[in-house]
Protein backbone atom coordinates (compact mmCIF):
# COMPACT_ATOMS: atom_id res chain seq x y z
CA MET A 1 -14.71 -18.85 -12.68
CA VAL A 2 -15.89 -16.85 -9.68
CA ALA A 3 -14.22 -14.99 -6.86
CA GLY A 4 -12.91 -17.51 -4.41
CA SER A 5 -11.26 -19.57 -7.14
CA THR A 6 -7.74 -20.65 -6.40
CA TRP A 7 -4.46 -21.09 -8.17
CA GLN A 8 -3.01 -24.48 -7.27
CA GLY A 9 -4.91 -24.37 -3.99
CA ARG A 10 -3.96 -20.76 -3.19
CA PRO A 11 -6.29 -17.74 -3.24
CA MET A 12 -6.29 -16.12 -6.66
CA ILE A 13 -7.03 -12.55 -5.52
CA TYR A 14 -4.94 -10.66 -2.96
CA ILE A 15 -6.08 -7.20 -1.83
CA CYS A 16 -3.56 -4.63 -0.59
CA TYR A 17 -5.48 -2.03 1.41
CA GLY A 18 -3.57 0.86 2.92
CA VAL A 19 -4.07 4.15 4.70
CA THR A 20 -2.75 7.07 2.67
CA LYS A 21 1.05 7.54 2.94
CA SER A 22 1.57 4.19 4.69
CA ALA A 23 3.85 2.62 2.04
CA SER A 24 0.80 0.82 0.67
CA THR A 25 2.03 1.19 -2.92
CA PHE A 26 5.38 -0.35 -1.99
CA LEU A 27 3.62 -3.25 -0.26
CA TYR A 28 1.42 -3.71 -3.32
CA GLN A 29 4.49 -3.82 -5.58
CA LEU A 30 6.25 -6.26 -3.26
CA THR A 31 3.19 -8.52 -3.30
CA GLU A 32 3.11 -8.62 -7.10
CA GLU A 33 6.86 -9.28 -7.09
CA ILE A 34 6.37 -12.18 -4.65
CA PHE A 35 3.85 -13.75 -7.03
CA SER A 36 6.31 -13.28 -9.88
CA ALA A 37 9.33 -14.66 -7.96
CA SER A 38 7.31 -17.67 -6.79
CA GLY A 39 6.64 -18.69 -10.38
CA LEU A 40 2.90 -18.07 -10.15
CA GLY A 41 3.07 -14.74 -11.98
CA PHE A 42 0.48 -11.99 -11.65
CA SER A 43 -2.18 -10.35 -13.80
CA ARG A 44 -2.81 -6.70 -14.56
CA SER A 45 -6.42 -5.54 -14.28
CA PRO A 46 -6.04 -1.74 -14.49
CA SER A 47 -9.11 0.40 -13.98
CA HIS A 48 -8.06 3.16 -16.38
CA GLY A 49 -6.11 1.45 -19.14
CA VAL A 50 -3.07 -0.65 -19.91
CA LEU A 51 -0.63 2.10 -18.90
CA ASP A 52 -1.78 2.11 -15.27
CA LEU A 53 1.01 1.47 -12.79
CA SER A 54 -1.22 -0.55 -10.47
CA ASN A 55 -4.52 -2.41 -10.24
CA TYR A 56 -5.94 0.43 -8.13
CA TYR A 57 -9.65 0.70 -7.32
CA ASP A 58 -11.35 3.32 -5.16
CA THR A 59 -13.92 0.70 -4.19
CA ILE A 60 -13.65 -3.09 -4.21
CA THR A 61 -16.98 -4.91 -4.21
CA PRO A 62 -18.02 -8.56 -4.56
CA ASN A 63 -19.19 -7.74 -8.09
CA LEU A 64 -15.75 -6.40 -9.02
CA LEU A 65 -14.08 -9.47 -7.51
CA ASP A 66 -16.30 -11.69 -9.63
CA GLN A 67 -15.39 -9.77 -12.78
CA VAL A 68 -11.68 -9.91 -12.02
CA ALA A 69 -11.80 -13.59 -11.15
CA SER A 70 -13.70 -14.45 -14.32
CA ALA A 71 -11.24 -12.58 -16.55
CA ALA A 72 -8.14 -13.90 -14.76
CA HIS A 73 -8.84 -17.57 -15.59
CA GLY A 74 -6.96 -18.81 -12.56
CA ARG A 75 -4.06 -16.38 -12.73
CA PRO A 76 -3.25 -14.47 -9.51
CA VAL A 77 -4.32 -10.82 -9.25
CA VAL A 78 -3.24 -8.24 -6.67
CA LEU A 79 -5.65 -5.34 -6.16
CA LYS A 80 -4.80 -2.06 -4.42
CA THR A 81 -7.21 0.25 -2.61
CA HIS A 82 -7.48 3.02 -0.04
CA GLY A 83 -11.22 2.45 0.15
CA ASP A 84 -13.55 1.18 2.85
CA LEU A 85 -14.18 -2.51 3.40
CA ASP A 86 -17.34 -3.76 1.73
CA PRO A 87 -19.16 -6.23 4.05
CA GLY A 88 -19.40 -8.78 1.25
CA VAL A 89 -15.67 -8.53 0.60
CA ALA A 90 -15.01 -8.85 4.34
CA ALA A 91 -17.02 -12.06 4.38
CA ARG A 92 -14.94 -13.53 1.54
CA ILE A 93 -11.70 -12.59 3.26
CA ALA A 94 -12.87 -14.07 6.57
CA ALA A 95 -13.87 -17.27 4.76
CA GLY A 96 -10.42 -17.57 3.19
CA GLU A 97 -11.74 -17.18 -0.36
CA ILE A 98 -9.35 -14.27 -0.93
CA LEU A 99 -6.45 -12.82 1.05
CA ALA A 100 -5.74 -9.24 2.10
CA SER A 101 -3.20 -7.04 3.84
CA ALA A 102 -3.57 -3.65 5.49
CA SER A 103 -0.83 -1.06 5.91
CA ILE A 104 -0.73 1.69 8.53
CA ARG A 105 1.64 4.41 9.77
CA ASP A 106 2.11 6.74 12.71
CA PRO A 107 -0.62 9.40 12.18
CA ARG A 108 1.89 12.19 12.82
CA GLU A 109 3.97 11.00 9.91
CA ILE A 110 0.93 10.51 7.68
CA ALA A 111 0.00 14.13 8.37
CA LEU A 112 3.47 15.40 7.50
CA SER A 113 3.50 13.42 4.26
CA MET A 114 0.01 14.62 3.33
CA VAL A 115 1.16 18.23 3.79
CA ASP A 116 4.17 17.48 1.56
CA HIS A 117 1.77 16.18 -1.07
CA GLY A 118 -0.39 19.27 -0.72
CA ARG A 119 2.61 21.52 -1.31
CA ARG A 120 3.57 19.60 -4.45
CA ALA A 121 -0.02 19.58 -5.68
CA ARG A 122 -0.32 23.37 -5.44
CA ARG A 123 3.03 23.78 -7.15
CA ASP A 124 2.12 21.46 -10.00
CA GLY A 125 -1.51 22.53 -10.40
CA GLU A 126 -2.92 19.22 -9.18
CA GLU A 127 -6.12 18.85 -7.19
CA ALA A 128 -5.52 15.93 -4.83
CA PHE A 129 -4.30 17.06 -1.39
CA SER A 130 -3.97 20.69 -2.62
CA GLU A 131 -6.25 21.92 0.17
CA LEU A 132 -3.83 20.77 2.87
CA HIS A 133 -1.47 23.45 4.21
CA THR A 134 -0.97 22.38 7.85
CA VAL A 135 -0.96 19.13 9.78
CA LEU A 136 -4.06 20.19 11.70
CA GLU A 137 -5.97 20.28 8.42
CA THR A 138 -5.28 16.57 7.96
CA LEU A 139 -7.13 15.53 11.13
CA PRO A 140 -10.61 15.04 9.60
CA SER A 141 -9.14 12.83 6.87
CA LEU A 142 -7.08 10.91 9.43
CA ASP A 143 -10.15 10.33 11.61
CA ALA A 144 -11.99 8.82 8.67
CA GLN A 145 -9.05 6.77 7.39
CA LEU A 146 -8.20 5.28 10.77
CA ALA A 147 -11.82 4.19 11.14
CA VAL A 148 -11.58 2.46 7.76
CA PHE A 149 -8.27 0.86 8.74
CA GLN A 150 -9.85 -0.59 11.87
CA ARG A 151 -12.54 -2.25 9.78
CA TRP A 152 -9.92 -3.96 7.62
CA ALA A 153 -7.64 -4.84 10.53
CA GLN A 154 -10.48 -6.39 12.54
CA VAL A 155 -10.85 -9.19 9.98
CA LYS A 156 -8.68 -11.87 11.57
CA THR A 157 -7.18 -13.17 8.34
CA VAL A 158 -5.99 -9.73 7.17
CA LYS A 159 -2.23 -9.29 7.61
CA VAL A 160 -1.42 -5.90 9.14
CA PHE A 161 1.91 -4.24 8.36
CA THR A 162 3.23 -0.89 9.56
CA TYR A 163 5.13 1.60 7.45
CA ASN A 164 8.19 0.95 9.60
CA GLN A 165 8.05 -2.78 8.89
CA ILE A 166 7.48 -2.32 5.15
CA CYS A 167 10.27 0.23 4.70
CA PHE A 168 12.87 -0.77 7.30
CA ASP A 169 12.32 -4.50 7.80
CA THR A 170 11.32 -5.31 4.23
CA ALA A 171 12.78 -8.81 4.07
CA ALA A 172 10.66 -9.90 7.04
CA VAL A 173 7.55 -8.43 5.38
CA VAL A 174 8.34 -10.28 2.13
CA THR A 175 8.64 -13.54 4.08
CA ALA A 176 5.38 -12.87 5.94
CA VAL A 177 3.44 -12.15 2.75
CA ALA A 178 4.93 -15.21 1.05
CA ASP A 179 3.89 -17.32 4.04
CA HIS A 180 0.42 -15.79 3.80
CA LEU A 181 0.29 -16.93 0.17
CA GLY A 182 1.75 -20.32 0.92
CA VAL A 183 4.77 -19.85 -1.34
CA SER A 184 8.52 -19.70 -0.80
CA VAL A 185 10.69 -16.90 -2.23
CA ASP A 186 14.12 -15.36 -1.76
CA PRO A 187 13.46 -11.99 -0.08
CA GLN A 188 16.59 -10.49 -1.63
CA ARG A 189 15.39 -11.38 -5.11
CA VAL A 190 12.00 -9.83 -4.41
CA MET A 191 13.58 -6.66 -3.03
CA ALA A 192 16.25 -6.25 -5.75
CA PRO A 193 14.12 -4.29 -8.26
CA PHE A 194 13.44 -1.65 -5.61
CA ALA A 195 17.05 -0.84 -4.73
CA ALA A 196 16.54 2.47 -6.53
CA SER A 197 13.84 4.50 -4.75
CA GLY A 198 12.47 5.63 -8.12
CA MET A 199 11.09 2.11 -8.61
CA ILE A 200 8.94 2.48 -5.49
CA GLY A 201 5.61 4.03 -6.37
CA GLN A 202 4.60 7.22 -4.52
CA PHE A 203 7.95 7.28 -2.71
CA ASN A 204 8.32 10.44 -0.63
CA MET A 205 11.12 10.67 1.94
CA GLY A 206 11.43 7.16 3.31
CA VAL A 207 13.02 8.04 6.63
CA PRO A 208 12.29 6.55 10.08
CA ARG A 209 10.82 8.55 12.93
CA ARG A 210 9.89 11.45 10.72
CA TYR A 211 7.51 12.63 13.43
CA LEU A 212 10.58 14.15 15.14
CA THR A 213 10.32 17.04 12.69
CA MET A 214 6.86 17.94 14.00
CA ASP A 215 6.60 20.63 16.67
CA PRO A 216 6.33 18.93 20.11
CA ALA A 217 3.16 20.84 20.99
CA MET A 218 1.56 19.69 17.74
CA GLN A 219 2.68 16.13 18.45
CA GLU A 220 0.81 16.23 21.75
CA ILE A 221 -2.42 16.99 19.87
CA PHE A 222 -1.96 13.86 17.77
CA LEU A 223 -0.85 11.70 20.69
CA ALA A 224 -3.90 12.71 22.73
CA ARG A 225 -6.40 12.43 19.87
CA TYR A 226 -5.23 8.93 18.90
CA ALA A 227 -4.02 7.70 22.30
CA ALA A 228 -5.80 4.34 22.14
CA PHE A 229 -4.59 3.78 18.60
CA TYR A 230 -0.97 4.48 19.54
CA ALA A 231 -1.20 2.14 22.50
CA ALA A 232 -2.53 -0.66 20.29
CA MET A 233 -0.02 -0.24 17.46
CA ALA A 234 3.26 0.33 19.35
CA PHE A 235 4.96 1.82 16.28
CA GLU A 236 8.33 2.28 17.94
CA GLN A 237 8.68 -1.46 18.52
CA ASN A 238 9.00 -1.96 14.77
CA LEU A 239 12.34 -0.14 14.49
CA PRO A 240 14.77 -2.47 16.32
CA GLN A 241 17.60 -1.93 13.85
CA LEU A 242 17.91 1.84 14.36
CA THR A 243 20.85 2.85 16.52
CA SER A 244 20.89 6.61 15.95
CA ALA A 245 18.60 9.47 15.09
CA PRO A 246 17.51 9.55 11.44
CA THR A 247 18.84 12.00 8.88
CA PHE A 248 15.95 13.73 7.16
CA GLY A 249 16.05 14.27 3.43
CA ALA A 250 13.99 16.26 0.95
CA PRO A 251 10.60 15.11 -0.36
CA ARG A 252 10.57 13.53 -3.80
CA PRO A 253 9.76 15.65 -6.86
CA SER A 254 6.24 15.07 -8.11
CA ALA A 255 6.81 16.02 -11.72
CA GLY A 256 9.49 16.53 -14.31
CA PRO A 257 11.89 14.28 -16.27
CA ALA A 258 13.13 12.31 -13.24
CA ARG A 259 9.65 11.20 -12.30
CA MET A 260 8.73 10.46 -15.92
CA VAL A 261 11.78 8.21 -16.28
CA ALA A 262 11.04 6.41 -13.00
CA ASP A 263 7.39 5.86 -13.94
CA ALA A 264 8.43 4.59 -17.37
CA ARG A 265 10.81 2.08 -15.77
CA ARG A 266 8.08 0.87 -13.43
CA LEU A 267 5.62 0.53 -16.31
CA VAL A 268 8.04 -1.41 -18.50
CA ARG A 269 8.72 -3.86 -15.68
CA ARG A 270 5.02 -4.27 -14.99
CA LEU A 271 4.20 -4.86 -18.65
CA ALA A 272 7.02 -7.40 -18.90
CA HIS A 273 6.08 -9.39 -15.80
CA GLY A 274 2.29 -9.18 -15.68
CA VAL A 275 -0.42 -10.53 -17.97
CA GLN A 276 -3.12 -8.09 -19.07
CA ILE A 277 -6.53 -9.59 -18.31
CA TRP A 278 -9.16 -6.86 -18.58
CA ARG A 279 -10.02 -3.23 -18.07
CA PHE A 280 -12.51 -2.53 -15.33
CA ARG A 281 -14.37 0.41 -13.92
CA SER A 282 -14.69 0.54 -10.15
CA ARG A 283 -18.30 -0.07 -9.07
């Protein structure tokens, strides 16, 4: 079986691409849960072993898709990435051989969340994001990531979701992804496992309009730098249910017993609901 195979007429492989800190992990989890709730089920193809919490790959290539498809034997697989769009993968998505989504967030809020991650990384002795101390230091990464996002979003069949939609209009996102897959599910059933924030991977603060905590002068730098992007995305239009200013909480802990328990719960659920198919190395 090769990439492009289908499960009962539906694409077997679904790719969840996301810009860093755009609720891409939550969207990935929701997508797997949609497959599960629809009765199709999903397969685990972790890149670093059976205890991985997601089918994450730095790079997704046609060769990897072929390997996954061959091992899956017709079972659906959801892949997660922050990586660039391979032209061969883009061609398969455009042809309808596989499906994909792309998640994005207000760059000001991405920057704030990246700085949060940097603070936790330095505290816990981790490398990723540890070099980030201020929002200005995130700009080179944001420039690169937004360029990658545009490449994914420009493929007409890719479903684009904003952080605001994923986090604050989740039921509508569940319905949209299910429609994309050609299945019918109860959004409340799909959302139920995530009622506790600890079940949402990489959960940070989860509050709307977090950019309000950024200094206004700093906001102007972002708004000017990404003016065309803001005009195209219209982030504020995705928060129709908010009637008052948000209450800002504290960032999640990145280590310790609470996180270990939450990760264990996520892993147990994933092992119980997904079928292990293979272990791959990103290529």
